[in-house]
Amino acid sequence: MVPPMGNRSVDPAVTPAQLQEAPPEQTSAAPDQAVTPDRSAGPDRAAVPQAAVPELPWRVPLDPAPWWAWALFVAPFIAVPALNSWLWMGARDMLAVGLLTIIGASVVRVAGGVVLYRVELTATALRARTSMLVRSLAWQDVDTIEVGDDNVVLTAGRDENEINGIPRDRTAEVGAIMQAIHHQAANAPTHRARPRPGIGAVLVLTYLVLSVGAFLLRWHLL
């Protein structure tokens, strides 16, 4: 009785030449060589490679503001002072003047968020200029950087800071540059800054002075 052949047994009917022609056994990949896909990014976001750091500070390329945003931003500076100096009859119309001025200020602030929007990268932080404020995010506070279709999202703890308006063909470039600066600043001192008033705050204040001042001058109250 012949015992069964194991994995390394040789069939006596097989010649040495046939043994040499036999294909080698396929071995499975070692556990440490297995590649695990990155599932941390969402379906519309991708992991970001690093790129060369440009000369800093570097302005993030953004799509130009549409014409209607410029029209809404400029119109209150002209229309509201003109109405305040012509439409109302006198001091008893102060309530109407106040309401119209507040509505115009809201339009300036909202449209200014599109027209005045700028994003700048420095060696220590990302700075974003909105309609009223200039906000800063230190690179050491950034946990992850993810690229979307037309935006880059920087996650800092539970907060997501989304940079919108980037041209679709340059989002990968912008994300890679952010990742490179973030990596470069890992061992640098942390510089945090509180939000501060920007040019938008100055423009809104100028609008208020023009709107209220036009009414006061028209009716000799100033």
N, C-alpha and C. Protein backbone atom coordinates (compact mmCIF):
# COMPACT_ATOMS: atom_id res chain seq x y z
N MET A 1 0.85 -1.19 0.00
CA MET A 1 0.00 0.00 0.00
C MET A 1 0.88 1.24 0.00
N VAL A 2 0.60 2.16 -0.91
CA VAL A 2 1.42 3.37 -1.06
C VAL A 2 0.78 4.50 -0.30
N PRO A 3 1.52 5.17 0.60
CA PRO A 3 0.94 6.27 1.37
C PRO A 3 0.61 7.44 0.45
N PRO A 4 -0.37 8.24 0.80
CA PRO A 4 -0.73 9.41 -0.02
C PRO A 4 0.41 10.42 -0.07
N MET A 5 0.49 11.12 -1.21
CA MET A 5 1.55 12.10 -1.39
C MET A 5 1.20 13.41 -0.71
N GLY A 6 2.18 14.01 -0.06
CA GLY A 6 1.99 15.33 0.53
C GLY A 6 2.23 16.42 -0.49
N ASN A 7 2.34 17.64 -0.01
CA ASN A 7 2.53 18.79 -0.89
C ASN A 7 3.89 18.75 -1.56
N ARG A 8 4.87 18.11 -0.91
CA ARG A 8 6.22 18.07 -1.45
C ARG A 8 6.57 16.72 -2.02
N SER A 9 5.62 15.77 -2.16
CA SER A 9 5.90 14.45 -2.70
C SER A 9 6.05 14.52 -4.19
N VAL A 10 6.77 13.59 -4.77
CA VAL A 10 7.05 13.54 -6.20
C VAL A 10 6.46 12.27 -6.74
N ASP A 11 5.71 12.40 -7.80
CA ASP A 11 5.12 11.25 -8.47
C ASP A 11 6.23 10.51 -9.20
N PRO A 12 6.41 9.23 -8.97
CA PRO A 12 7.49 8.50 -9.65
C PRO A 12 7.33 8.52 -11.16
N ALA A 13 6.12 8.75 -11.69
CA ALA A 13 5.94 8.74 -13.14
C ALA A 13 6.42 10.02 -13.80
N VAL A 14 6.73 11.05 -13.02
CA VAL A 14 7.17 12.32 -13.57
C VAL A 14 8.67 12.31 -13.72
N THR A 15 9.15 12.68 -14.91
CA THR A 15 10.58 12.68 -15.18
C THR A 15 11.22 13.94 -14.66
N PRO A 16 12.55 13.95 -14.47
CA PRO A 16 13.23 15.18 -14.02
C PRO A 16 13.02 16.34 -14.97
N ALA A 17 12.95 16.09 -16.30
CA ALA A 17 12.73 17.19 -17.24
C ALA A 17 11.39 17.84 -17.05
N GLN A 18 10.38 17.02 -16.73
CA GLN A 18 9.05 17.59 -16.50
C GLN A 18 9.01 18.41 -15.22
N LEU A 19 9.83 17.98 -14.25
CA LEU A 19 9.90 18.76 -13.01
C LEU A 19 10.46 20.15 -13.25
N GLN A 20 11.48 20.24 -14.17
CA GLN A 20 12.07 21.54 -14.44
C GLN A 20 11.12 22.45 -15.21
N GLU A 21 10.21 21.86 -16.04
CA GLU A 21 9.28 22.66 -16.81
C GLU A 21 8.05 23.06 -16.00
N ALA A 22 7.85 22.47 -14.86
CA ALA A 22 6.67 22.78 -14.06
C ALA A 22 6.74 24.23 -13.58
N PRO A 23 5.63 24.97 -13.65
CA PRO A 23 5.65 26.38 -13.19
C PRO A 23 5.83 26.46 -11.69
N PRO A 24 6.53 27.48 -11.23
CA PRO A 24 6.71 27.63 -9.78
C PRO A 24 5.40 27.93 -9.10
N GLU A 25 5.31 27.54 -7.84
CA GLU A 25 4.10 27.77 -7.07
C GLU A 25 3.93 29.26 -6.79
N GLN A 26 2.71 29.71 -6.92
CA GLN A 26 2.43 31.11 -6.64
C GLN A 26 2.28 31.29 -5.13
N THR A 27 2.95 32.27 -4.65
CA THR A 27 2.91 32.57 -3.22
C THR A 27 2.10 33.82 -3.00
N SER A 28 1.39 33.84 -1.94
CA SER A 28 0.58 35.01 -1.62
C SER A 28 1.47 36.11 -1.08
N ALA A 29 1.02 37.32 -1.26
CA ALA A 29 1.80 38.46 -0.79
C ALA A 29 1.87 38.46 0.73
N ALA A 30 3.02 38.92 1.21
CA ALA A 30 3.20 38.99 2.66
C ALA A 30 2.25 40.03 3.23
N PRO A 31 1.87 39.84 4.47
CA PRO A 31 0.92 40.80 5.04
C PRO A 31 1.45 42.22 5.04
N ASP A 32 2.79 42.37 5.23
CA ASP A 32 3.30 43.72 5.31
C ASP A 32 3.42 44.38 3.95
N GLN A 33 3.18 43.62 2.87
CA GLN A 33 3.23 44.19 1.54
C GLN A 33 1.85 44.51 1.01
N ALA A 34 0.83 44.22 1.75
CA ALA A 34 -0.53 44.49 1.29
C ALA A 34 -0.78 45.98 1.29
N VAL A 35 -1.54 46.46 0.31
CA VAL A 35 -1.84 47.87 0.16
C VAL A 35 -3.28 48.11 0.61
N THR A 36 -3.43 48.98 1.54
CA THR A 36 -4.76 49.30 2.07
C THR A 36 -5.22 50.60 1.47
N PRO A 37 -6.37 50.65 0.79
CA PRO A 37 -6.83 51.90 0.20
C PRO A 37 -7.18 52.92 1.27
N ASP A 38 -6.97 54.18 0.90
CA ASP A 38 -7.28 55.28 1.81
C ASP A 38 -8.76 55.58 1.74
N ARG A 39 -9.46 55.31 2.82
CA ARG A 39 -10.90 55.53 2.86
C ARG A 39 -11.28 56.74 3.69
N SER A 40 -10.26 57.52 4.07
CA SER A 40 -10.57 58.68 4.90
C SER A 40 -11.22 59.80 4.11
N ALA A 41 -10.89 59.92 2.82
CA ALA A 41 -11.45 60.99 2.02
C ALA A 41 -12.85 60.62 1.55
N GLY A 42 -13.66 61.62 1.35
CA GLY A 42 -15.01 61.40 0.87
C GLY A 42 -15.02 61.03 -0.60
N PRO A 43 -16.20 60.80 -1.15
CA PRO A 43 -16.29 60.38 -2.55
C PRO A 43 -15.83 61.46 -3.52
N ASP A 44 -15.95 62.74 -3.15
CA ASP A 44 -15.57 63.83 -4.03
C ASP A 44 -14.25 64.46 -3.65
N ARG A 45 -13.53 63.87 -2.71
CA ARG A 45 -12.25 64.42 -2.27
C ARG A 45 -11.18 63.38 -2.43
N ALA A 46 -9.95 63.84 -2.64
CA ALA A 46 -8.84 62.93 -2.86
C ALA A 46 -7.67 63.33 -1.98
N ALA A 47 -6.82 62.34 -1.67
CA ALA A 47 -5.61 62.62 -0.93
C ALA A 47 -4.70 63.52 -1.77
N VAL A 48 -3.89 64.33 -1.11
CA VAL A 48 -3.13 65.36 -1.80
C VAL A 48 -1.65 65.03 -1.75
N PRO A 49 -0.97 64.94 -2.90
CA PRO A 49 0.48 64.79 -2.89
C PRO A 49 1.15 66.14 -2.62
N GLN A 50 2.44 66.09 -2.36
CA GLN A 50 3.16 67.32 -2.11
C GLN A 50 3.73 67.88 -3.41
N ALA A 51 3.99 69.19 -3.42
CA ALA A 51 4.57 69.86 -4.57
C ALA A 51 5.65 70.81 -4.06
N ALA A 52 6.37 71.41 -4.99
CA ALA A 52 7.39 72.37 -4.62
C ALA A 52 6.73 73.63 -4.04
N VAL A 53 7.35 74.20 -3.03
CA VAL A 53 6.82 75.39 -2.38
C VAL A 53 7.18 76.61 -3.21
N PRO A 54 6.20 77.41 -3.66
CA PRO A 54 6.52 78.63 -4.42
C PRO A 54 7.03 79.72 -3.50
N GLU A 55 7.35 80.86 -4.09
CA GLU A 55 7.78 82.00 -3.29
C GLU A 55 6.61 82.50 -2.46
N LEU A 56 6.82 82.64 -1.18
CA LEU A 56 5.76 83.04 -0.25
C LEU A 56 5.89 84.51 0.10
N PRO A 57 4.77 85.21 0.36
CA PRO A 57 3.38 84.72 0.33
C PRO A 57 2.90 84.46 -1.09
N TRP A 58 1.99 83.48 -1.22
CA TRP A 58 1.48 83.06 -2.53
C TRP A 58 -0.04 83.16 -2.52
N ARG A 59 -0.60 83.86 -3.51
CA ARG A 59 -2.05 84.04 -3.59
C ARG A 59 -2.67 82.86 -4.32
N VAL A 60 -3.69 82.30 -3.73
CA VAL A 60 -4.40 81.17 -4.33
C VAL A 60 -5.19 81.68 -5.55
N PRO A 61 -5.05 81.03 -6.71
CA PRO A 61 -5.83 81.47 -7.88
C PRO A 61 -7.31 81.19 -7.68
N LEU A 62 -8.13 82.21 -7.92
CA LEU A 62 -9.58 82.11 -7.75
C LEU A 62 -10.27 82.61 -9.02
N ASP A 63 -11.46 82.09 -9.25
CA ASP A 63 -12.26 82.58 -10.37
C ASP A 63 -12.62 84.04 -10.13
N PRO A 64 -12.64 84.86 -11.19
CA PRO A 64 -13.03 86.28 -11.00
C PRO A 64 -14.47 86.40 -10.56
N ALA A 65 -14.73 87.46 -9.81
CA ALA A 65 -16.10 87.70 -9.33
C ALA A 65 -17.01 87.99 -10.52
N PRO A 66 -18.24 87.46 -10.54
CA PRO A 66 -19.16 87.73 -11.66
C PRO A 66 -19.59 89.19 -11.69
N TRP A 67 -20.11 89.62 -12.83
CA TRP A 67 -20.49 91.03 -13.01
C TRP A 67 -21.60 91.45 -12.06
N TRP A 68 -22.55 90.52 -11.80
CA TRP A 68 -23.67 90.90 -10.94
C TRP A 68 -23.21 91.17 -9.51
N ALA A 69 -22.14 90.49 -9.07
CA ALA A 69 -21.61 90.76 -7.73
C ALA A 69 -21.01 92.15 -7.66
N TRP A 70 -20.28 92.54 -8.72
CA TRP A 70 -19.73 93.90 -8.76
C TRP A 70 -20.86 94.93 -8.80
N ALA A 71 -21.92 94.66 -9.57
CA ALA A 71 -23.04 95.60 -9.67
C ALA A 71 -23.72 95.78 -8.32
N LEU A 72 -23.97 94.66 -7.61
CA LEU A 72 -24.59 94.75 -6.29
C LEU A 72 -23.69 95.44 -5.29
N PHE A 73 -22.40 95.27 -5.45
CA PHE A 73 -21.46 95.86 -4.50
C PHE A 73 -21.36 97.37 -4.69
N VAL A 74 -21.39 97.84 -5.93
CA VAL A 74 -21.19 99.27 -6.20
C VAL A 74 -22.50 100.05 -6.09
N ALA A 75 -23.63 99.42 -6.45
CA ALA A 75 -24.91 100.15 -6.54
C ALA A 75 -25.28 100.86 -5.24
N PRO A 76 -25.18 100.24 -4.05
CA PRO A 76 -25.60 100.96 -2.83
C PRO A 76 -24.80 102.23 -2.56
N PHE A 77 -23.53 102.28 -2.98
CA PHE A 77 -22.73 103.49 -2.76
C PHE A 77 -23.29 104.68 -3.53
N ILE A 78 -24.00 104.42 -4.63
CA ILE A 78 -24.57 105.49 -5.45
C ILE A 78 -26.05 105.68 -5.17
N ALA A 79 -26.80 104.57 -5.14
CA ALA A 79 -28.25 104.66 -5.06
C ALA A 79 -28.73 105.14 -3.70
N VAL A 80 -28.21 104.60 -2.63
CA VAL A 80 -28.73 104.93 -1.30
C VAL A 80 -28.44 106.38 -0.93
N PRO A 81 -27.22 106.92 -1.10
CA PRO A 81 -27.04 108.35 -0.81
C PRO A 81 -27.93 109.24 -1.68
N ALA A 82 -28.14 108.85 -2.96
CA ALA A 82 -29.01 109.67 -3.82
C ALA A 82 -30.44 109.66 -3.32
N LEU A 83 -30.95 108.51 -2.94
CA LEU A 83 -32.31 108.43 -2.43
C LEU A 83 -32.45 109.16 -1.10
N ASN A 84 -31.48 109.01 -0.25
CA ASN A 84 -31.55 109.68 1.06
C ASN A 84 -31.53 111.20 0.94
N SER A 85 -30.92 111.70 -0.11
CA SER A 85 -30.85 113.16 -0.28
C SER A 85 -31.98 113.72 -1.12
N TRP A 86 -32.83 112.87 -1.72
CA TRP A 86 -33.88 113.37 -2.61
C TRP A 86 -35.27 112.87 -2.27
N LEU A 87 -35.40 111.58 -1.89
CA LEU A 87 -36.72 110.98 -1.76
C LEU A 87 -37.44 111.43 -0.51
N TRP A 88 -36.74 111.45 0.62
CA TRP A 88 -37.42 111.71 1.88
C TRP A 88 -37.64 113.20 2.09
N MET A 89 -38.69 113.54 2.83
CA MET A 89 -39.15 114.92 2.95
C MET A 89 -38.50 115.70 4.08
N GLY A 90 -38.04 115.02 5.08
CA GLY A 90 -37.45 115.76 6.18
C GLY A 90 -37.04 114.86 7.31
N ALA A 91 -36.85 115.45 8.48
CA ALA A 91 -36.34 114.70 9.62
C ALA A 91 -37.30 113.63 10.09
N ARG A 92 -38.61 113.77 9.78
CA ARG A 92 -39.56 112.76 10.22
C ARG A 92 -39.38 111.43 9.49
N ASP A 93 -38.64 111.44 8.43
CA ASP A 93 -38.41 110.22 7.66
C ASP A 93 -37.11 109.52 8.07
N MET A 94 -36.62 109.77 9.24
CA MET A 94 -35.37 109.16 9.70
C MET A 94 -35.48 107.63 9.75
N LEU A 95 -36.69 107.13 10.09
CA LEU A 95 -36.86 105.68 10.15
C LEU A 95 -36.67 105.05 8.77
N ALA A 96 -37.29 105.69 7.74
CA ALA A 96 -37.12 105.18 6.38
C ALA A 96 -35.67 105.27 5.94
N VAL A 97 -35.00 106.33 6.30
CA VAL A 97 -33.58 106.48 5.96
C VAL A 97 -32.76 105.38 6.63
N GLY A 98 -33.09 105.12 7.90
CA GLY A 98 -32.35 104.07 8.60
C GLY A 98 -32.56 102.70 7.99
N LEU A 99 -33.81 102.38 7.63
CA LEU A 99 -34.08 101.06 7.04
C LEU A 99 -33.39 100.90 5.69
N LEU A 100 -33.48 101.93 4.85
CA LEU A 100 -32.83 101.85 3.54
C LEU A 100 -31.31 101.74 3.68
N THR A 101 -30.75 102.44 4.63
CA THR A 101 -29.30 102.39 4.84
C THR A 101 -28.88 101.01 5.32
N ILE A 102 -29.65 100.42 6.21
CA ILE A 102 -29.31 99.08 6.71
C ILE A 102 -29.42 98.04 5.60
N ILE A 103 -30.45 98.14 4.77
CA ILE A 103 -30.59 97.19 3.66
C ILE A 103 -29.40 97.33 2.71
N GLY A 104 -29.03 98.56 2.40
CA GLY A 104 -27.87 98.76 1.53
C GLY A 104 -26.58 98.23 2.13
N ALA A 105 -26.41 98.38 3.45
CA ALA A 105 -25.21 97.86 4.10
C ALA A 105 -25.15 96.34 4.02
N SER A 106 -26.31 95.69 4.15
CA SER A 106 -26.34 94.23 4.02
C SER A 106 -25.96 93.79 2.62
N VAL A 107 -26.44 94.52 1.61
CA VAL A 107 -26.08 94.18 0.22
C VAL A 107 -24.59 94.36 0.00
N VAL A 108 -24.03 95.43 0.53
CA VAL A 108 -22.58 95.66 0.39
C VAL A 108 -21.79 94.54 1.06
N ARG A 109 -22.24 94.12 2.23
CA ARG A 109 -21.51 93.08 2.95
C ARG A 109 -21.58 91.74 2.22
N VAL A 110 -22.77 91.36 1.74
CA VAL A 110 -22.90 90.07 1.07
C VAL A 110 -22.16 90.07 -0.27
N ALA A 111 -22.35 91.10 -1.08
CA ALA A 111 -21.65 91.17 -2.36
C ALA A 111 -20.15 91.31 -2.15
N GLY A 112 -19.76 92.00 -1.08
CA GLY A 112 -18.33 92.12 -0.79
C GLY A 112 -17.69 90.79 -0.46
N GLY A 113 -18.48 89.84 0.06
CA GLY A 113 -17.93 88.52 0.31
C GLY A 113 -17.50 87.80 -0.95
N VAL A 114 -18.08 88.18 -2.10
CA VAL A 114 -17.68 87.61 -3.39
C VAL A 114 -16.60 88.45 -4.04
N VAL A 115 -16.77 89.77 -4.02
CA VAL A 115 -15.85 90.65 -4.73
C VAL A 115 -14.50 90.75 -4.02
N LEU A 116 -14.51 90.82 -2.70
CA LEU A 116 -13.28 91.05 -1.93
C LEU A 116 -12.59 89.77 -1.49
N TYR A 117 -13.13 88.61 -1.85
CA TYR A 117 -12.60 87.34 -1.36
C TYR A 117 -11.19 87.08 -1.90
N ARG A 118 -10.25 86.89 -1.01
CA ARG A 118 -8.87 86.58 -1.36
C ARG A 118 -8.33 85.54 -0.38
N VAL A 119 -7.45 84.68 -0.87
CA VAL A 119 -6.81 83.67 -0.02
C VAL A 119 -5.31 83.72 -0.30
N GLU A 120 -4.54 83.80 0.76
CA GLU A 120 -3.09 83.93 0.64
C GLU A 120 -2.42 82.90 1.53
N LEU A 121 -1.36 82.28 1.01
CA LEU A 121 -0.59 81.29 1.77
C LEU A 121 0.73 81.91 2.20
N THR A 122 1.03 81.81 3.48
CA THR A 122 2.32 82.26 4.00
C THR A 122 3.03 81.08 4.63
N ALA A 123 4.23 81.32 5.10
CA ALA A 123 5.00 80.24 5.70
C ALA A 123 4.43 79.78 7.02
N THR A 124 3.61 80.61 7.66
CA THR A 124 3.08 80.27 8.99
C THR A 124 1.59 79.98 9.01
N ALA A 125 0.84 80.49 8.03
CA ALA A 125 -0.62 80.36 8.10
C ALA A 125 -1.26 80.56 6.74
N LEU A 126 -2.52 80.17 6.68
CA LEU A 126 -3.38 80.49 5.54
C LEU A 126 -4.25 81.67 5.94
N ARG A 127 -4.30 82.69 5.10
CA ARG A 127 -5.07 83.89 5.40
C ARG A 127 -6.16 84.06 4.35
N ALA A 128 -7.38 84.24 4.82
CA ALA A 128 -8.53 84.41 3.93
C ALA A 128 -9.18 85.74 4.24
N ARG A 129 -9.38 86.58 3.22
CA ARG A 129 -10.06 87.86 3.37
C ARG A 129 -11.50 87.71 2.91
N THR A 130 -12.42 87.90 3.82
CA THR A 130 -13.85 87.83 3.50
C THR A 130 -14.39 89.25 3.34
N SER A 131 -15.71 89.40 3.44
CA SER A 131 -16.30 90.72 3.21
C SER A 131 -15.91 91.72 4.29
N MET A 132 -15.76 91.27 5.53
CA MET A 132 -15.50 92.19 6.63
C MET A 132 -14.20 91.91 7.37
N LEU A 133 -13.75 90.66 7.39
CA LEU A 133 -12.65 90.26 8.25
C LEU A 133 -11.54 89.59 7.45
N VAL A 134 -10.37 89.54 8.07
CA VAL A 134 -9.25 88.75 7.58
C VAL A 134 -9.00 87.65 8.61
N ARG A 135 -9.23 86.41 8.21
CA ARG A 135 -9.08 85.28 9.12
C ARG A 135 -7.79 84.54 8.81
N SER A 136 -7.20 83.94 9.84
CA SER A 136 -5.93 83.25 9.71
C SER A 136 -6.04 81.86 10.32
N LEU A 137 -5.43 80.87 9.65
CA LEU A 137 -5.40 79.49 10.14
C LEU A 137 -3.96 79.01 10.12
N ALA A 138 -3.39 78.77 11.32
CA ALA A 138 -2.00 78.31 11.41
C ALA A 138 -1.87 76.91 10.82
N TRP A 139 -0.76 76.66 10.13
CA TRP A 139 -0.56 75.35 9.50
C TRP A 139 -0.48 74.25 10.53
N GLN A 140 0.03 74.54 11.73
CA GLN A 140 0.14 73.51 12.75
C GLN A 140 -1.22 73.06 13.26
N ASP A 141 -2.26 73.86 13.03
CA ASP A 141 -3.61 73.47 13.45
C ASP A 141 -4.34 72.63 12.41
N VAL A 142 -3.76 72.51 11.22
CA VAL A 142 -4.40 71.76 10.15
C VAL A 142 -4.10 70.28 10.31
N ASP A 143 -5.15 69.45 10.29
CA ASP A 143 -4.99 67.99 10.40
C ASP A 143 -4.92 67.32 9.04
N THR A 144 -5.84 67.64 8.16
CA THR A 144 -5.88 67.04 6.83
C THR A 144 -6.19 68.10 5.78
N ILE A 145 -5.76 67.82 4.54
CA ILE A 145 -6.04 68.67 3.39
C ILE A 145 -6.61 67.77 2.30
N GLU A 146 -7.81 68.11 1.84
CA GLU A 146 -8.50 67.30 0.83
C GLU A 146 -8.93 68.19 -0.33
N VAL A 147 -8.85 67.62 -1.53
CA VAL A 147 -9.16 68.34 -2.75
C VAL A 147 -10.51 67.90 -3.28
N GLY A 148 -11.38 68.87 -3.60
CA GLY A 148 -12.65 68.59 -4.24
C GLY A 148 -12.63 69.01 -5.69
N ASP A 149 -13.82 69.19 -6.27
CA ASP A 149 -13.91 69.57 -7.68
C ASP A 149 -13.39 70.99 -7.91
N ASP A 150 -13.88 71.94 -7.10
CA ASP A 150 -13.44 73.32 -7.25
C ASP A 150 -13.13 73.94 -5.90
N ASN A 151 -12.70 73.12 -4.96
CA ASN A 151 -12.39 73.63 -3.62
C ASN A 151 -11.34 72.76 -2.97
N VAL A 152 -10.77 73.30 -1.91
CA VAL A 152 -9.83 72.56 -1.06
C VAL A 152 -10.33 72.72 0.37
N VAL A 153 -10.40 71.62 1.09
CA VAL A 153 -10.94 71.61 2.46
C VAL A 153 -9.80 71.32 3.42
N LEU A 154 -9.60 72.21 4.37
CA LEU A 154 -8.60 72.03 5.43
C LEU A 154 -9.34 71.75 6.72
N THR A 155 -9.06 70.59 7.31
CA THR A 155 -9.73 70.18 8.54
C THR A 155 -8.82 70.48 9.72
N ALA A 156 -9.36 71.20 10.69
CA ALA A 156 -8.64 71.52 11.93
C ALA A 156 -9.53 71.11 13.09
N GLY A 157 -9.25 69.94 13.66
CA GLY A 157 -10.12 69.42 14.70
C GLY A 157 -11.48 69.08 14.12
N ARG A 158 -12.54 69.66 14.68
CA ARG A 158 -13.89 69.44 14.18
C ARG A 158 -14.30 70.47 13.13
N ASP A 159 -13.47 71.45 12.88
CA ASP A 159 -13.81 72.52 11.95
C ASP A 159 -13.28 72.18 10.55
N GLU A 160 -14.11 72.46 9.54
CA GLU A 160 -13.71 72.32 8.15
C GLU A 160 -13.68 73.70 7.52
N ASN A 161 -12.51 74.07 6.99
CA ASN A 161 -12.32 75.37 6.35
C ASN A 161 -12.24 75.13 4.85
N GLU A 162 -13.29 75.53 4.15
CA GLU A 162 -13.41 75.25 2.71
C GLU A 162 -13.02 76.48 1.90
N ILE A 163 -12.05 76.31 1.02
CA ILE A 163 -11.60 77.36 0.12
C ILE A 163 -12.30 77.13 -1.21
N ASN A 164 -13.27 77.99 -1.54
CA ASN A 164 -14.07 77.84 -2.75
C ASN A 164 -13.56 78.73 -3.86
N GLY A 165 -14.11 78.50 -5.07
CA GLY A 165 -13.84 79.37 -6.20
C GLY A 165 -12.53 79.11 -6.91
N ILE A 166 -11.86 77.99 -6.63
CA ILE A 166 -10.60 77.67 -7.32
C ILE A 166 -10.94 77.09 -8.69
N PRO A 167 -10.25 77.50 -9.75
CA PRO A 167 -10.50 76.88 -11.06
C PRO A 167 -10.31 75.37 -10.99
N ARG A 168 -11.19 74.64 -11.70
CA ARG A 168 -11.18 73.18 -11.61
C ARG A 168 -9.85 72.57 -12.06
N ASP A 169 -9.18 73.21 -13.00
CA ASP A 169 -7.93 72.65 -13.50
C ASP A 169 -6.73 72.98 -12.62
N ARG A 170 -6.97 73.70 -11.51
CA ARG A 170 -5.86 74.07 -10.63
C ARG A 170 -6.07 73.64 -9.18
N THR A 171 -7.15 72.94 -8.91
CA THR A 171 -7.38 72.51 -7.52
C THR A 171 -6.30 71.55 -7.04
N ALA A 172 -5.87 70.62 -7.90
CA ALA A 172 -4.83 69.68 -7.50
C ALA A 172 -3.52 70.41 -7.20
N GLU A 173 -3.19 71.40 -8.04
CA GLU A 173 -1.97 72.17 -7.81
C GLU A 173 -2.03 72.93 -6.49
N VAL A 174 -3.16 73.59 -6.23
CA VAL A 174 -3.31 74.35 -4.99
C VAL A 174 -3.23 73.42 -3.78
N GLY A 175 -3.91 72.28 -3.85
CA GLY A 175 -3.86 71.33 -2.74
C GLY A 175 -2.46 70.81 -2.50
N ALA A 176 -1.71 70.54 -3.56
CA ALA A 176 -0.35 70.04 -3.41
C ALA A 176 0.57 71.09 -2.78
N ILE A 177 0.40 72.35 -3.17
CA ILE A 177 1.21 73.42 -2.58
C ILE A 177 0.86 73.61 -1.11
N MET A 178 -0.42 73.56 -0.78
CA MET A 178 -0.82 73.65 0.63
C MET A 178 -0.21 72.51 1.44
N GLN A 179 -0.22 71.31 0.87
CA GLN A 179 0.33 70.16 1.58
C GLN A 179 1.83 70.32 1.81
N ALA A 180 2.54 70.87 0.81
CA ALA A 180 3.98 71.08 0.95
C ALA A 180 4.29 72.12 2.02
N ILE A 181 3.54 73.23 2.04
CA ILE A 181 3.76 74.25 3.06
C ILE A 181 3.40 73.71 4.44
N HIS A 182 2.33 72.95 4.51
CA HIS A 182 1.93 72.34 5.78
C HIS A 182 3.02 71.42 6.31
N HIS A 183 3.62 70.61 5.44
CA HIS A 183 4.70 69.71 5.86
C HIS A 183 5.93 70.51 6.27
N GLN A 184 6.23 71.58 5.55
CA GLN A 184 7.41 72.38 5.85
C GLN A 184 7.28 73.11 7.19
N ALA A 185 6.05 73.47 7.56
CA ALA A 185 5.84 74.22 8.80
C ALA A 185 5.62 73.32 10.01
N ALA A 186 5.78 72.01 9.84
CA ALA A 186 5.47 71.08 10.94
C ALA A 186 6.32 71.36 12.18
N ASN A 187 7.59 71.68 11.99
CA ASN A 187 8.50 71.88 13.12
C ASN A 187 8.77 73.35 13.41
N ALA A 188 8.03 74.23 12.76
CA ALA A 188 8.22 75.67 12.97
C ALA A 188 7.35 76.15 14.13
N PRO A 189 7.70 77.29 14.72
CA PRO A 189 6.86 77.84 15.79
C PRO A 189 5.46 78.18 15.28
N THR A 190 4.48 78.01 16.14
CA THR A 190 3.10 78.28 15.76
C THR A 190 2.77 79.74 15.97
N HIS A 191 2.20 80.37 14.93
CA HIS A 191 1.78 81.77 15.01
C HIS A 191 0.29 81.84 14.73
N ARG A 192 -0.48 82.08 15.77
CA ARG A 192 -1.93 82.20 15.63
C ARG A 192 -2.33 83.67 15.72
N ALA A 193 -3.32 84.04 14.94
CA ALA A 193 -3.79 85.42 14.92
C ALA A 193 -5.31 85.43 14.97
N ARG A 194 -5.86 86.40 15.70
CA ARG A 194 -7.30 86.55 15.78
C ARG A 194 -7.81 87.24 14.51
N PRO A 195 -9.09 87.02 14.18
CA PRO A 195 -9.65 87.75 13.03
C PRO A 195 -9.55 89.25 13.24
N ARG A 196 -9.21 89.97 12.19
CA ARG A 196 -9.08 91.42 12.26
C ARG A 196 -9.88 92.07 11.13
N PRO A 197 -10.30 93.31 11.32
CA PRO A 197 -11.06 93.99 10.26
C PRO A 197 -10.23 94.12 8.98
N GLY A 198 -10.90 93.93 7.86
CA GLY A 198 -10.24 94.07 6.57
C GLY A 198 -10.74 95.28 5.81
N ILE A 199 -10.43 95.33 4.52
CA ILE A 199 -10.84 96.47 3.70
C ILE A 199 -12.35 96.53 3.57
N GLY A 200 -13.02 95.37 3.70
CA GLY A 200 -14.48 95.38 3.63
C GLY A 200 -15.10 96.20 4.74
N ALA A 201 -14.54 96.13 5.95
CA ALA A 201 -15.07 96.92 7.06
C ALA A 201 -14.92 98.41 6.79
N VAL A 202 -13.80 98.81 6.18
CA VAL A 202 -13.59 100.21 5.84
C VAL A 202 -14.60 100.67 4.79
N LEU A 203 -14.87 99.81 3.80
CA LEU A 203 -15.81 100.17 2.75
C LEU A 203 -17.25 100.28 3.28
N VAL A 204 -17.64 99.38 4.17
CA VAL A 204 -18.98 99.46 4.76
C VAL A 204 -19.11 100.74 5.59
N LEU A 205 -18.07 101.08 6.34
CA LEU A 205 -18.11 102.32 7.12
C LEU A 205 -18.21 103.53 6.20
N THR A 206 -17.48 103.51 5.08
CA THR A 206 -17.57 104.60 4.11
C THR A 206 -18.98 104.72 3.54
N TYR A 207 -19.59 103.57 3.24
CA TYR A 207 -20.96 103.58 2.73
C TYR A 207 -21.92 104.20 3.75
N LEU A 208 -21.78 103.84 5.01
CA LEU A 208 -22.67 104.39 6.04
C LEU A 208 -22.51 105.90 6.15
N VAL A 209 -21.28 106.38 6.09
CA VAL A 209 -21.05 107.82 6.17
C VAL A 209 -21.69 108.54 4.99
N LEU A 210 -21.54 107.98 3.78
CA LEU A 210 -22.13 108.60 2.59
C LEU A 210 -23.65 108.61 2.65
N SER A 211 -24.23 107.48 3.09
CA SER A 211 -25.68 107.36 3.09
C SER A 211 -26.33 108.29 4.10
N VAL A 212 -25.84 108.24 5.32
CA VAL A 212 -26.44 109.09 6.36
C VAL A 212 -26.05 110.55 6.16
N GLY A 213 -24.81 110.77 5.75
CA GLY A 213 -24.36 112.14 5.55
C GLY A 213 -25.11 112.85 4.45
N ALA A 214 -25.48 112.11 3.38
CA ALA A 214 -26.23 112.74 2.29
C ALA A 214 -27.57 113.25 2.79
N PHE A 215 -28.24 112.50 3.63
CA PHE A 215 -29.54 112.93 4.17
C PHE A 215 -29.36 114.13 5.09
N LEU A 216 -28.37 114.08 5.94
CA LEU A 216 -28.18 115.17 6.90
C LEU A 216 -27.79 116.47 6.20
N LEU A 217 -26.98 116.36 5.15
CA LEU A 217 -26.58 117.56 4.43
C LEU A 217 -27.74 118.14 3.62
N ARG A 218 -28.56 117.25 3.06
CA ARG A 218 -29.67 117.73 2.23
C ARG A 218 -30.66 118.55 3.03
N TRP A 219 -30.91 118.15 4.26
CA TRP A 219 -31.88 118.85 5.08
C TRP A 219 -31.23 119.71 6.15
N HIS A 220 -29.98 120.04 5.93
CA HIS A 220 -29.23 120.98 6.78
C HIS A 220 -29.26 120.57 8.25
N LEU A 221 -29.10 119.26 8.47
CA LEU A 221 -29.06 118.76 9.83
C LEU A 221 -27.63 118.50 10.30
N LEU A 222 -26.69 118.80 9.47
CA LEU A 222 -25.28 118.56 9.81
C LEU A 222 -24.47 119.81 9.54
